[in-house]
């Protein structure tokens, strides 16, 4: 395995996510204040797997944020557990569901929110999403949460029939992972 291609692919995806995230931070209204900004990784599971034909699909994902440098809120890390569904394909599609955030501070807090992604771009199974939702319970209740993610197949796995481009043709892509950022802005 040529690890330089894997590193280049991961660096490209992380760079794209951070560039979009920084543009969103700079475009935030002047009256809104950043409460928290975190970076991490997400793993998403699709059932049935994503193919080129749109079909009803259940998705479950876990976002682990291990770097939350804005520490004024006392949050060092966080985890989001997602559950949703939509008419999805390797090319895109909308989804909706709910999520729970576990904030790893002392004591541990939780928050919940509902989400809708009108269209998630999935060129050949590579998911790119900018999602905005209002936290509707728990810590940061009423705040806006924006998540930017790029779920991709590692470069060395593009031809893998389980999670690469061939997966769209041969049974479906069941798992994708990649870098993710989360920004929480005061109401």
N, C-alpha and C. Protein backbone atom coordinates (compact mmCIF):
# COMPACT_ATOMS: atom_id res chain seq x y z
N UNK A 1 0.84 -1.17 0.00
CA UNK A 1 0.00 0.00 0.00
C UNK A 1 0.89 1.24 0.00
N UNK A 2 0.59 2.17 -0.86
CA UNK A 2 1.35 3.41 -0.93
C UNK A 2 0.72 4.41 0.04
N UNK A 3 1.34 4.56 1.22
CA UNK A 3 0.75 5.41 2.25
C UNK A 3 0.82 6.89 1.90
N UNK A 4 1.68 7.29 0.98
CA UNK A 4 1.73 8.71 0.62
C UNK A 4 0.45 9.13 -0.06
N UNK A 5 -0.18 8.24 -0.86
CA UNK A 5 -1.46 8.56 -1.49
C UNK A 5 -2.55 8.69 -0.43
N UNK A 6 -2.54 7.81 0.57
CA UNK A 6 -3.54 7.87 1.63
C UNK A 6 -3.38 9.18 2.39
N UNK A 7 -2.14 9.54 2.76
CA UNK A 7 -1.90 10.78 3.48
C UNK A 7 -2.32 11.98 2.65
N UNK A 8 -2.03 11.96 1.33
CA UNK A 8 -2.41 13.07 0.48
C UNK A 8 -3.93 13.18 0.41
N UNK A 9 -4.63 12.07 0.29
CA UNK A 9 -6.09 12.09 0.24
C UNK A 9 -6.68 12.61 1.53
N UNK A 10 -6.18 12.15 2.68
CA UNK A 10 -6.67 12.61 3.97
C UNK A 10 -6.37 14.10 4.16
N UNK A 11 -5.16 14.53 3.77
CA UNK A 11 -4.79 15.93 3.89
C UNK A 11 -5.68 16.79 3.01
N UNK A 12 -5.99 16.32 1.79
CA UNK A 12 -6.87 17.07 0.89
C UNK A 12 -8.26 17.21 1.51
N UNK A 13 -8.83 16.10 2.02
CA UNK A 13 -10.17 16.15 2.62
C UNK A 13 -10.19 17.04 3.85
N UNK A 14 -9.20 16.92 4.74
CA UNK A 14 -9.14 17.75 5.93
C UNK A 14 -8.99 19.21 5.54
N UNK A 15 -8.15 19.49 4.53
CA UNK A 15 -7.97 20.87 4.07
C UNK A 15 -9.26 21.44 3.53
N UNK A 16 -10.02 20.66 2.78
CA UNK A 16 -11.30 21.14 2.23
C UNK A 16 -12.30 21.42 3.35
N UNK A 17 -12.39 20.52 4.33
CA UNK A 17 -13.31 20.72 5.44
C UNK A 17 -12.93 21.96 6.23
N UNK A 18 -11.65 22.14 6.54
CA UNK A 18 -11.22 23.31 7.30
C UNK A 18 -11.43 24.60 6.53
N UNK A 19 -11.20 24.59 5.22
CA UNK A 19 -11.40 25.80 4.41
C UNK A 19 -12.87 26.21 4.41
N UNK A 20 -13.78 25.25 4.23
CA UNK A 20 -15.21 25.56 4.27
C UNK A 20 -15.61 26.04 5.66
N UNK A 21 -15.09 25.38 6.70
CA UNK A 21 -15.42 25.75 8.07
C UNK A 21 -14.95 27.16 8.40
N UNK A 22 -13.74 27.52 7.99
CA UNK A 22 -13.23 28.86 8.26
C UNK A 22 -14.03 29.90 7.51
N UNK A 23 -14.47 29.59 6.30
CA UNK A 23 -15.31 30.53 5.55
C UNK A 23 -16.63 30.74 6.28
N UNK A 24 -17.20 29.68 6.86
CA UNK A 24 -18.44 29.82 7.61
C UNK A 24 -18.24 30.64 8.87
N UNK A 25 -17.11 30.43 9.56
CA UNK A 25 -16.82 31.19 10.77
C UNK A 25 -16.72 32.67 10.42
N UNK A 26 -16.02 33.01 9.33
CA UNK A 26 -15.86 34.40 8.95
C UNK A 26 -17.17 35.00 8.48
N UNK A 27 -18.09 34.17 7.94
CA UNK A 27 -19.35 34.68 7.41
C UNK A 27 -20.44 34.76 8.47
N UNK A 28 -20.14 34.39 9.71
CA UNK A 28 -21.14 34.42 10.77
C UNK A 28 -21.54 35.85 11.07
N UNK A 29 -22.82 36.06 11.43
CA UNK A 29 -23.26 37.41 11.76
C UNK A 29 -22.45 38.00 12.90
N UNK A 30 -22.27 39.30 12.88
CA UNK A 30 -21.43 39.98 13.87
C UNK A 30 -21.96 39.81 15.28
N UNK A 31 -23.31 39.74 15.47
CA UNK A 31 -23.86 39.63 16.81
C UNK A 31 -23.71 38.23 17.39
N UNK A 32 -23.51 37.23 16.58
CA UNK A 32 -23.36 35.87 17.07
C UNK A 32 -21.94 35.66 17.58
N UNK A 33 -21.82 34.93 18.66
CA UNK A 33 -20.50 34.66 19.24
C UNK A 33 -20.23 33.16 19.20
N UNK A 34 -19.00 32.81 18.82
CA UNK A 34 -18.60 31.41 18.84
C UNK A 34 -18.58 30.92 20.28
N UNK A 35 -19.30 29.84 20.54
CA UNK A 35 -19.24 29.21 21.84
C UNK A 35 -18.23 28.07 21.84
N UNK A 36 -18.08 27.43 20.66
CA UNK A 36 -17.24 26.25 20.59
C UNK A 36 -16.90 25.95 19.14
N UNK A 37 -15.68 25.49 18.90
CA UNK A 37 -15.27 25.02 17.58
C UNK A 37 -14.43 23.78 17.79
N UNK A 38 -14.82 22.65 17.16
CA UNK A 38 -14.13 21.38 17.35
C UNK A 38 -13.82 20.73 16.01
N UNK A 39 -12.78 19.91 15.99
CA UNK A 39 -12.45 19.11 14.81
C UNK A 39 -12.40 17.64 15.22
N UNK A 40 -12.63 16.77 14.25
CA UNK A 40 -12.60 15.35 14.57
C UNK A 40 -12.79 14.48 13.36
N UNK A 41 -13.42 13.33 13.57
CA UNK A 41 -13.61 12.31 12.52
C UNK A 41 -15.02 11.75 12.64
N UNK A 42 -15.61 11.40 11.48
CA UNK A 42 -16.93 10.78 11.48
C UNK A 42 -16.90 9.48 10.71
N UNK A 43 -17.66 8.50 11.21
CA UNK A 43 -17.87 7.24 10.50
C UNK A 43 -19.38 7.10 10.32
N UNK A 44 -19.81 6.91 9.06
CA UNK A 44 -21.23 6.78 8.74
C UNK A 44 -21.50 5.40 8.14
N UNK A 45 -22.62 4.81 8.55
CA UNK A 45 -23.04 3.49 8.06
C UNK A 45 -24.39 3.63 7.36
N UNK A 46 -24.52 3.04 6.16
CA UNK A 46 -25.73 3.12 5.34
C UNK A 46 -26.30 1.72 5.14
N UNK A 47 -27.64 1.60 5.28
CA UNK A 47 -28.30 0.31 5.03
C UNK A 47 -29.61 0.57 4.29
N UNK A 48 -29.79 0.02 3.11
CA UNK A 48 -28.78 -0.71 2.35
C UNK A 48 -27.67 0.23 1.89
N UNK A 49 -26.60 -0.33 1.39
CA UNK A 49 -25.47 0.46 0.92
C UNK A 49 -25.86 1.40 -0.22
N UNK A 50 -25.11 2.50 -0.34
CA UNK A 50 -25.36 3.49 -1.39
C UNK A 50 -25.00 2.92 -2.76
N UNK A 51 -25.92 3.05 -3.71
CA UNK A 51 -25.68 2.66 -5.10
C UNK A 51 -25.98 3.87 -5.97
N UNK A 52 -25.91 3.71 -7.29
CA UNK A 52 -26.23 4.83 -8.18
C UNK A 52 -27.74 5.09 -8.25
N UNK A 53 -28.57 4.14 -7.82
CA UNK A 53 -30.02 4.32 -7.81
C UNK A 53 -30.47 4.78 -6.42
N UNK A 54 -31.20 5.89 -6.37
CA UNK A 54 -31.71 6.37 -5.08
C UNK A 54 -32.70 5.35 -4.52
N UNK A 55 -32.60 5.14 -3.20
CA UNK A 55 -33.50 4.19 -2.54
C UNK A 55 -33.63 4.58 -1.07
N UNK A 56 -34.73 4.19 -0.41
CA UNK A 56 -34.87 4.47 1.03
C UNK A 56 -33.69 3.84 1.78
N UNK A 57 -33.00 4.67 2.56
CA UNK A 57 -31.78 4.23 3.23
C UNK A 57 -31.77 4.72 4.67
N UNK A 58 -31.36 3.84 5.58
CA UNK A 58 -31.16 4.21 6.98
C UNK A 58 -29.70 4.56 7.17
N UNK A 59 -29.43 5.63 7.92
CA UNK A 59 -28.04 5.96 8.20
C UNK A 59 -27.84 6.14 9.70
N UNK A 60 -26.71 5.66 10.16
CA UNK A 60 -26.27 5.82 11.54
C UNK A 60 -24.83 6.26 11.49
N UNK A 61 -24.49 7.25 12.29
CA UNK A 61 -23.13 7.77 12.24
C UNK A 61 -22.68 8.16 13.64
N UNK A 62 -21.36 8.21 13.80
CA UNK A 62 -20.74 8.69 15.02
C UNK A 62 -19.69 9.71 14.64
N UNK A 63 -19.80 10.91 15.22
CA UNK A 63 -18.79 11.96 15.03
C UNK A 63 -18.03 12.08 16.35
N UNK A 64 -16.72 11.87 16.30
CA UNK A 64 -15.88 12.04 17.48
C UNK A 64 -15.03 13.29 17.31
N UNK A 65 -15.22 14.25 18.20
CA UNK A 65 -14.46 15.50 18.18
C UNK A 65 -13.45 15.46 19.32
N UNK A 66 -12.19 15.36 18.95
CA UNK A 66 -11.14 15.22 19.96
C UNK A 66 -10.37 16.52 20.18
N UNK A 67 -10.64 17.53 19.37
CA UNK A 67 -9.93 18.80 19.51
C UNK A 67 -10.94 19.94 19.53
N UNK A 68 -11.17 20.50 20.71
CA UNK A 68 -12.07 21.64 20.88
C UNK A 68 -11.27 22.78 21.50
N UNK A 69 -10.51 23.53 20.70
CA UNK A 69 -9.58 24.51 21.26
C UNK A 69 -10.23 25.70 21.93
N UNK A 70 -11.49 26.02 21.65
CA UNK A 70 -12.16 27.11 22.36
C UNK A 70 -12.66 26.51 23.67
N UNK A 71 -11.86 26.67 24.73
CA UNK A 71 -12.13 25.95 25.97
C UNK A 71 -12.87 26.78 27.02
N UNK A 72 -13.34 27.98 26.67
CA UNK A 72 -14.04 28.80 27.64
C UNK A 72 -15.31 28.10 28.16
N UNK A 73 -15.85 27.20 27.38
CA UNK A 73 -17.06 26.48 27.79
C UNK A 73 -16.74 25.21 28.57
N UNK A 74 -15.47 24.90 28.75
CA UNK A 74 -15.08 23.74 29.53
C UNK A 74 -15.25 22.40 28.81
N UNK A 75 -15.39 22.43 27.49
CA UNK A 75 -15.56 21.20 26.73
C UNK A 75 -14.24 20.86 26.05
N UNK A 76 -13.70 19.70 26.36
CA UNK A 76 -12.44 19.27 25.75
C UNK A 76 -12.68 18.41 24.52
N UNK A 77 -13.78 17.67 24.50
CA UNK A 77 -14.11 16.80 23.38
C UNK A 77 -15.62 16.54 23.40
N UNK A 78 -16.11 15.94 22.31
CA UNK A 78 -17.54 15.65 22.21
C UNK A 78 -17.76 14.48 21.26
N UNK A 79 -18.95 13.89 21.35
CA UNK A 79 -19.34 12.81 20.45
C UNK A 79 -20.80 13.04 20.05
N UNK A 80 -21.07 12.91 18.74
CA UNK A 80 -22.45 12.99 18.25
C UNK A 80 -22.84 11.62 17.72
N UNK A 81 -24.00 11.13 18.17
CA UNK A 81 -24.58 9.89 17.66
C UNK A 81 -25.77 10.30 16.79
N UNK A 82 -25.70 9.95 15.49
CA UNK A 82 -26.72 10.32 14.50
C UNK A 82 -27.58 9.12 14.17
N UNK A 83 -28.87 9.36 13.90
CA UNK A 83 -29.77 8.34 13.37
C UNK A 83 -30.73 9.04 12.42
N UNK A 84 -30.84 8.52 11.21
CA UNK A 84 -31.72 9.16 10.24
C UNK A 84 -32.00 8.27 9.06
N UNK A 85 -32.69 8.85 8.09
CA UNK A 85 -33.00 8.11 6.88
C UNK A 85 -33.27 9.10 5.75
N UNK A 86 -33.29 8.57 4.55
CA UNK A 86 -33.58 9.40 3.39
C UNK A 86 -33.57 8.57 2.12
N UNK A 87 -33.92 9.19 1.02
CA UNK A 87 -33.87 8.55 -0.29
C UNK A 87 -32.49 8.85 -0.87
N UNK A 88 -31.51 7.99 -0.60
CA UNK A 88 -30.11 8.28 -0.86
C UNK A 88 -29.52 7.43 -1.97
N UNK A 89 -28.46 7.96 -2.58
CA UNK A 89 -27.70 7.24 -3.60
C UNK A 89 -26.25 7.69 -3.53
N UNK A 90 -25.40 7.12 -4.36
CA UNK A 90 -24.01 7.56 -4.44
C UNK A 90 -23.91 8.98 -5.00
N UNK A 91 -24.97 9.46 -5.63
CA UNK A 91 -24.94 10.79 -6.25
C UNK A 91 -25.54 11.88 -5.37
N UNK A 92 -26.27 11.52 -4.33
CA UNK A 92 -26.83 12.53 -3.45
C UNK A 92 -28.15 12.11 -2.88
N UNK A 93 -28.83 13.07 -2.30
CA UNK A 93 -30.15 12.82 -1.74
C UNK A 93 -30.33 13.46 -0.39
N UNK A 94 -31.58 13.74 -0.03
CA UNK A 94 -31.88 14.36 1.27
C UNK A 94 -31.97 13.32 2.38
N UNK A 95 -31.73 13.77 3.60
CA UNK A 95 -31.92 12.91 4.76
C UNK A 95 -32.39 13.75 5.93
N UNK A 96 -33.00 13.10 6.90
CA UNK A 96 -33.47 13.77 8.11
C UNK A 96 -33.39 12.80 9.26
N UNK A 97 -33.27 13.34 10.46
CA UNK A 97 -33.21 12.49 11.63
C UNK A 97 -32.94 13.30 12.89
N UNK A 98 -32.37 12.64 13.87
CA UNK A 98 -32.06 13.29 15.14
C UNK A 98 -30.67 12.87 15.59
N UNK A 99 -30.15 13.63 16.54
CA UNK A 99 -28.81 13.34 17.04
C UNK A 99 -28.69 13.75 18.50
N UNK A 100 -27.79 13.08 19.18
CA UNK A 100 -27.48 13.41 20.57
C UNK A 100 -25.99 13.72 20.67
N UNK A 101 -25.67 14.84 21.29
CA UNK A 101 -24.28 15.23 21.51
C UNK A 101 -23.95 14.95 22.97
N UNK A 102 -22.85 14.24 23.21
CA UNK A 102 -22.32 14.05 24.55
C UNK A 102 -21.10 14.94 24.68
N UNK A 103 -21.18 15.92 25.59
CA UNK A 103 -20.08 16.85 25.81
C UNK A 103 -19.20 16.28 26.93
N UNK A 104 -17.92 16.07 26.65
CA UNK A 104 -17.02 15.49 27.64
C UNK A 104 -16.38 16.59 28.46
N UNK A 105 -17.15 17.07 29.41
CA UNK A 105 -16.67 18.05 30.36
C UNK A 105 -16.97 17.48 31.75
N UNK A 106 -16.83 18.27 32.78
CA UNK A 106 -17.05 17.75 34.11
C UNK A 106 -18.16 18.55 34.78
N UNK A 107 -19.37 18.04 34.98
CA UNK A 107 -19.82 16.70 34.64
C UNK A 107 -20.18 16.59 33.15
N UNK A 108 -20.36 15.37 32.68
CA UNK A 108 -20.72 15.12 31.28
C UNK A 108 -22.13 15.67 31.04
N UNK A 109 -22.31 16.42 29.95
CA UNK A 109 -23.61 16.97 29.56
C UNK A 109 -24.04 16.37 28.23
N UNK A 110 -25.32 16.50 27.91
CA UNK A 110 -25.81 16.08 26.60
C UNK A 110 -26.68 17.19 26.00
N UNK A 111 -26.84 17.14 24.71
CA UNK A 111 -27.73 18.02 23.96
C UNK A 111 -28.36 17.18 22.86
N UNK A 112 -29.51 17.62 22.35
CA UNK A 112 -30.13 16.94 21.23
C UNK A 112 -30.53 17.96 20.17
N UNK A 113 -30.68 17.49 18.95
CA UNK A 113 -31.19 18.33 17.87
C UNK A 113 -31.75 17.44 16.77
N UNK A 114 -32.66 18.01 15.99
CA UNK A 114 -33.18 17.35 14.79
C UNK A 114 -32.46 17.97 13.61
N UNK A 115 -32.27 17.21 12.55
CA UNK A 115 -31.57 17.74 11.38
C UNK A 115 -32.27 17.34 10.10
N UNK A 116 -32.06 18.16 9.09
CA UNK A 116 -32.51 17.88 7.73
C UNK A 116 -31.41 18.34 6.80
N UNK A 117 -31.01 17.48 5.89
CA UNK A 117 -30.09 17.90 4.83
C UNK A 117 -30.87 17.83 3.53
N UNK A 118 -31.24 19.01 2.97
CA UNK A 118 -32.04 19.00 1.75
C UNK A 118 -31.37 18.19 0.64
N UNK A 119 -30.08 18.40 0.43
CA UNK A 119 -29.32 17.62 -0.55
C UNK A 119 -27.90 17.49 -0.03
N UNK A 120 -27.44 16.27 0.07
CA UNK A 120 -26.04 16.03 0.40
C UNK A 120 -25.37 15.59 -0.89
N UNK A 121 -24.33 16.28 -1.28
CA UNK A 121 -23.63 15.93 -2.51
C UNK A 121 -22.80 14.68 -2.26
N UNK A 122 -22.99 13.67 -3.10
CA UNK A 122 -22.24 12.41 -2.98
C UNK A 122 -21.66 12.03 -4.33
N UNK A 123 -20.70 12.81 -4.85
CA UNK A 123 -20.12 12.41 -6.13
C UNK A 123 -19.41 11.07 -5.98
N UNK A 124 -19.92 10.06 -6.66
CA UNK A 124 -19.35 8.71 -6.64
C UNK A 124 -19.16 8.19 -5.22
N UNK A 125 -20.13 8.48 -4.35
CA UNK A 125 -20.08 7.95 -3.00
C UNK A 125 -19.31 8.78 -2.00
N UNK A 126 -18.65 9.84 -2.41
CA UNK A 126 -17.89 10.69 -1.51
C UNK A 126 -18.82 11.79 -1.00
N UNK A 127 -19.16 11.78 0.28
CA UNK A 127 -20.17 12.67 0.83
C UNK A 127 -19.56 13.99 1.28
N UNK A 128 -20.17 15.10 0.85
CA UNK A 128 -19.77 16.43 1.29
C UNK A 128 -21.03 17.11 1.81
N UNK A 129 -21.02 17.51 3.10
CA UNK A 129 -22.22 18.09 3.73
C UNK A 129 -21.82 19.29 4.58
N UNK A 130 -22.63 20.35 4.50
CA UNK A 130 -22.61 21.44 5.48
C UNK A 130 -24.00 21.44 6.09
N UNK A 131 -24.10 21.09 7.35
CA UNK A 131 -25.37 20.93 8.04
C UNK A 131 -25.50 21.97 9.13
N UNK A 132 -26.65 22.62 9.22
CA UNK A 132 -26.91 23.59 10.28
C UNK A 132 -28.18 23.19 11.00
N UNK A 133 -28.14 23.19 12.33
CA UNK A 133 -29.30 22.82 13.13
C UNK A 133 -29.32 23.65 14.40
N UNK A 134 -30.48 23.76 15.01
CA UNK A 134 -30.60 24.43 16.31
C UNK A 134 -30.65 23.38 17.39
N UNK A 135 -29.79 23.52 18.38
CA UNK A 135 -29.78 22.60 19.52
C UNK A 135 -31.06 22.85 20.30
N UNK A 136 -31.87 21.79 20.51
CA UNK A 136 -33.18 22.00 21.12
C UNK A 136 -33.33 21.48 22.54
N UNK A 137 -32.25 20.96 23.12
CA UNK A 137 -32.30 20.59 24.54
C UNK A 137 -30.89 20.42 25.08
N UNK A 138 -30.78 20.57 26.40
CA UNK A 138 -29.50 20.34 27.06
C UNK A 138 -28.54 21.52 26.94
N UNK A 139 -27.27 21.20 27.07
CA UNK A 139 -26.22 22.23 27.00
C UNK A 139 -26.29 22.95 25.66
N UNK A 140 -26.11 24.25 25.67
CA UNK A 140 -26.17 25.12 24.49
C UNK A 140 -27.58 25.16 23.87
N UNK A 141 -28.63 24.91 24.66
CA UNK A 141 -29.99 24.95 24.16
C UNK A 141 -30.26 26.28 23.46
N UNK A 142 -30.79 26.22 22.23
CA UNK A 142 -31.08 27.42 21.45
C UNK A 142 -29.94 27.89 20.57
N UNK A 143 -28.75 27.35 20.77
CA UNK A 143 -27.59 27.75 19.95
C UNK A 143 -27.66 27.07 18.59
N UNK A 144 -26.97 27.64 17.62
CA UNK A 144 -26.88 27.06 16.29
C UNK A 144 -25.62 26.23 16.19
N UNK A 145 -25.77 25.00 15.68
CA UNK A 145 -24.63 24.11 15.47
C UNK A 145 -24.46 23.92 13.96
N UNK A 146 -23.25 24.17 13.47
CA UNK A 146 -22.94 23.92 12.07
C UNK A 146 -21.87 22.85 12.00
N UNK A 147 -22.13 21.83 11.18
CA UNK A 147 -21.16 20.75 11.02
C UNK A 147 -20.80 20.67 9.53
N UNK A 148 -19.51 20.57 9.27
CA UNK A 148 -18.99 20.42 7.92
C UNK A 148 -18.22 19.12 7.86
N UNK A 149 -18.55 18.26 6.87
CA UNK A 149 -17.85 16.99 6.80
C UNK A 149 -17.63 16.56 5.36
N UNK A 150 -16.57 15.78 5.19
CA UNK A 150 -16.23 15.18 3.89
C UNK A 150 -15.94 13.71 4.16
N UNK A 151 -16.95 12.86 3.89
CA UNK A 151 -16.79 11.43 4.11
C UNK A 151 -16.30 10.82 2.81
N UNK A 152 -15.16 10.20 2.84
CA UNK A 152 -14.54 9.73 1.60
C UNK A 152 -13.96 8.35 1.77
N UNK A 153 -13.77 7.72 0.63
CA UNK A 153 -13.07 6.45 0.58
C UNK A 153 -11.58 6.75 0.48
N UNK A 154 -10.73 6.13 1.31
CA UNK A 154 -9.28 6.35 1.17
C UNK A 154 -8.82 6.04 -0.25
N UNK A 155 -7.85 6.79 -0.72
CA UNK A 155 -7.36 6.68 -2.10
C UNK A 155 -7.00 5.24 -2.46
N UNK A 156 -6.37 4.52 -1.54
CA UNK A 156 -5.96 3.16 -1.85
C UNK A 156 -7.14 2.18 -1.89
N UNK A 157 -8.35 2.65 -1.54
CA UNK A 157 -9.53 1.79 -1.53
C UNK A 157 -10.56 2.16 -2.61
N UNK A 158 -10.23 3.10 -3.51
CA UNK A 158 -11.20 3.56 -4.51
C UNK A 158 -11.79 2.44 -5.36
N UNK A 159 -11.01 1.42 -5.65
CA UNK A 159 -11.51 0.32 -6.46
C UNK A 159 -12.03 -0.85 -5.62
N UNK A 160 -12.06 -0.69 -4.32
CA UNK A 160 -12.58 -1.71 -3.42
C UNK A 160 -14.09 -1.85 -3.64
N UNK A 161 -14.60 -3.06 -3.89
CA UNK A 161 -16.03 -3.22 -4.15
C UNK A 161 -16.92 -2.99 -2.93
N UNK A 162 -16.36 -2.89 -1.73
CA UNK A 162 -17.18 -2.66 -0.54
C UNK A 162 -17.37 -1.18 -0.22
N UNK A 163 -16.32 -0.37 -0.35
CA UNK A 163 -16.47 1.04 0.03
C UNK A 163 -15.84 1.99 -0.98
N UNK A 164 -15.45 1.51 -2.15
CA UNK A 164 -14.88 2.37 -3.18
C UNK A 164 -15.88 2.65 -4.28
N UNK A 165 -15.41 3.26 -5.34
CA UNK A 165 -16.28 3.60 -6.46
C UNK A 165 -17.00 2.39 -7.02
N UNK A 166 -16.33 1.24 -7.02
CA UNK A 166 -16.99 0.02 -7.50
C UNK A 166 -18.18 -0.37 -6.62
N UNK A 167 -18.15 0.06 -5.37
CA UNK A 167 -19.24 -0.24 -4.47
C UNK A 167 -20.57 0.33 -4.94
N UNK A 168 -20.52 1.47 -5.63
CA UNK A 168 -21.75 2.06 -6.17
C UNK A 168 -22.39 1.16 -7.22
N UNK A 169 -21.57 0.38 -7.90
CA UNK A 169 -22.06 -0.54 -8.93
C UNK A 169 -22.32 -1.94 -8.40
N UNK A 170 -21.54 -2.37 -7.42
CA UNK A 170 -21.56 -3.77 -6.98
C UNK A 170 -22.09 -3.92 -5.56
N UNK A 171 -23.35 -3.64 -5.33
CA UNK A 171 -23.94 -3.92 -4.04
C UNK A 171 -24.08 -2.75 -3.10
N UNK A 172 -23.32 -1.71 -3.27
CA UNK A 172 -23.49 -0.52 -2.44
C UNK A 172 -22.39 -0.26 -1.44
N UNK A 173 -22.15 1.03 -1.17
CA UNK A 173 -21.18 1.48 -0.17
C UNK A 173 -21.88 1.53 1.17
N UNK A 174 -21.40 0.76 2.13
CA UNK A 174 -22.04 0.67 3.43
C UNK A 174 -21.41 1.56 4.49
N UNK A 175 -20.13 1.93 4.33
CA UNK A 175 -19.44 2.71 5.34
C UNK A 175 -18.55 3.76 4.68
N UNK A 176 -18.61 4.98 5.20
CA UNK A 176 -17.70 6.05 4.78
C UNK A 176 -17.19 6.74 6.04
N UNK A 177 -16.00 7.33 5.95
CA UNK A 177 -15.45 8.07 7.09
C UNK A 177 -14.64 9.24 6.61
N UNK A 178 -14.42 10.21 7.49
CA UNK A 178 -13.62 11.35 7.11
C UNK A 178 -13.63 12.45 8.15
N UNK A 179 -12.90 13.53 7.86
CA UNK A 179 -12.77 14.64 8.80
C UNK A 179 -14.07 15.42 8.93
N UNK A 180 -14.26 16.01 10.10
CA UNK A 180 -15.48 16.76 10.39
C UNK A 180 -15.14 17.92 11.32
N UNK A 181 -15.86 19.03 11.17
CA UNK A 181 -15.73 20.15 12.11
C UNK A 181 -17.12 20.46 12.66
N UNK A 182 -17.15 21.06 13.85
CA UNK A 182 -18.40 21.48 14.46
C UNK A 182 -18.18 22.87 15.05
N UNK A 183 -19.10 23.77 14.75
CA UNK A 183 -19.08 25.11 15.32
C UNK A 183 -20.41 25.33 16.03
N UNK A 184 -20.37 25.81 17.26
CA UNK A 184 -21.57 26.15 18.01
C UNK A 184 -21.55 27.66 18.20
N UNK A 185 -22.66 28.32 17.78
CA UNK A 185 -22.76 29.78 17.83
C UNK A 185 -23.93 30.15 18.73
N UNK A 186 -23.73 31.18 19.55
CA UNK A 186 -24.78 31.60 20.47
C UNK A 186 -25.99 32.09 19.68
N UNK A 187 -27.18 31.97 20.29
CA UNK A 187 -28.40 32.41 19.60
C UNK A 187 -28.45 33.92 19.44
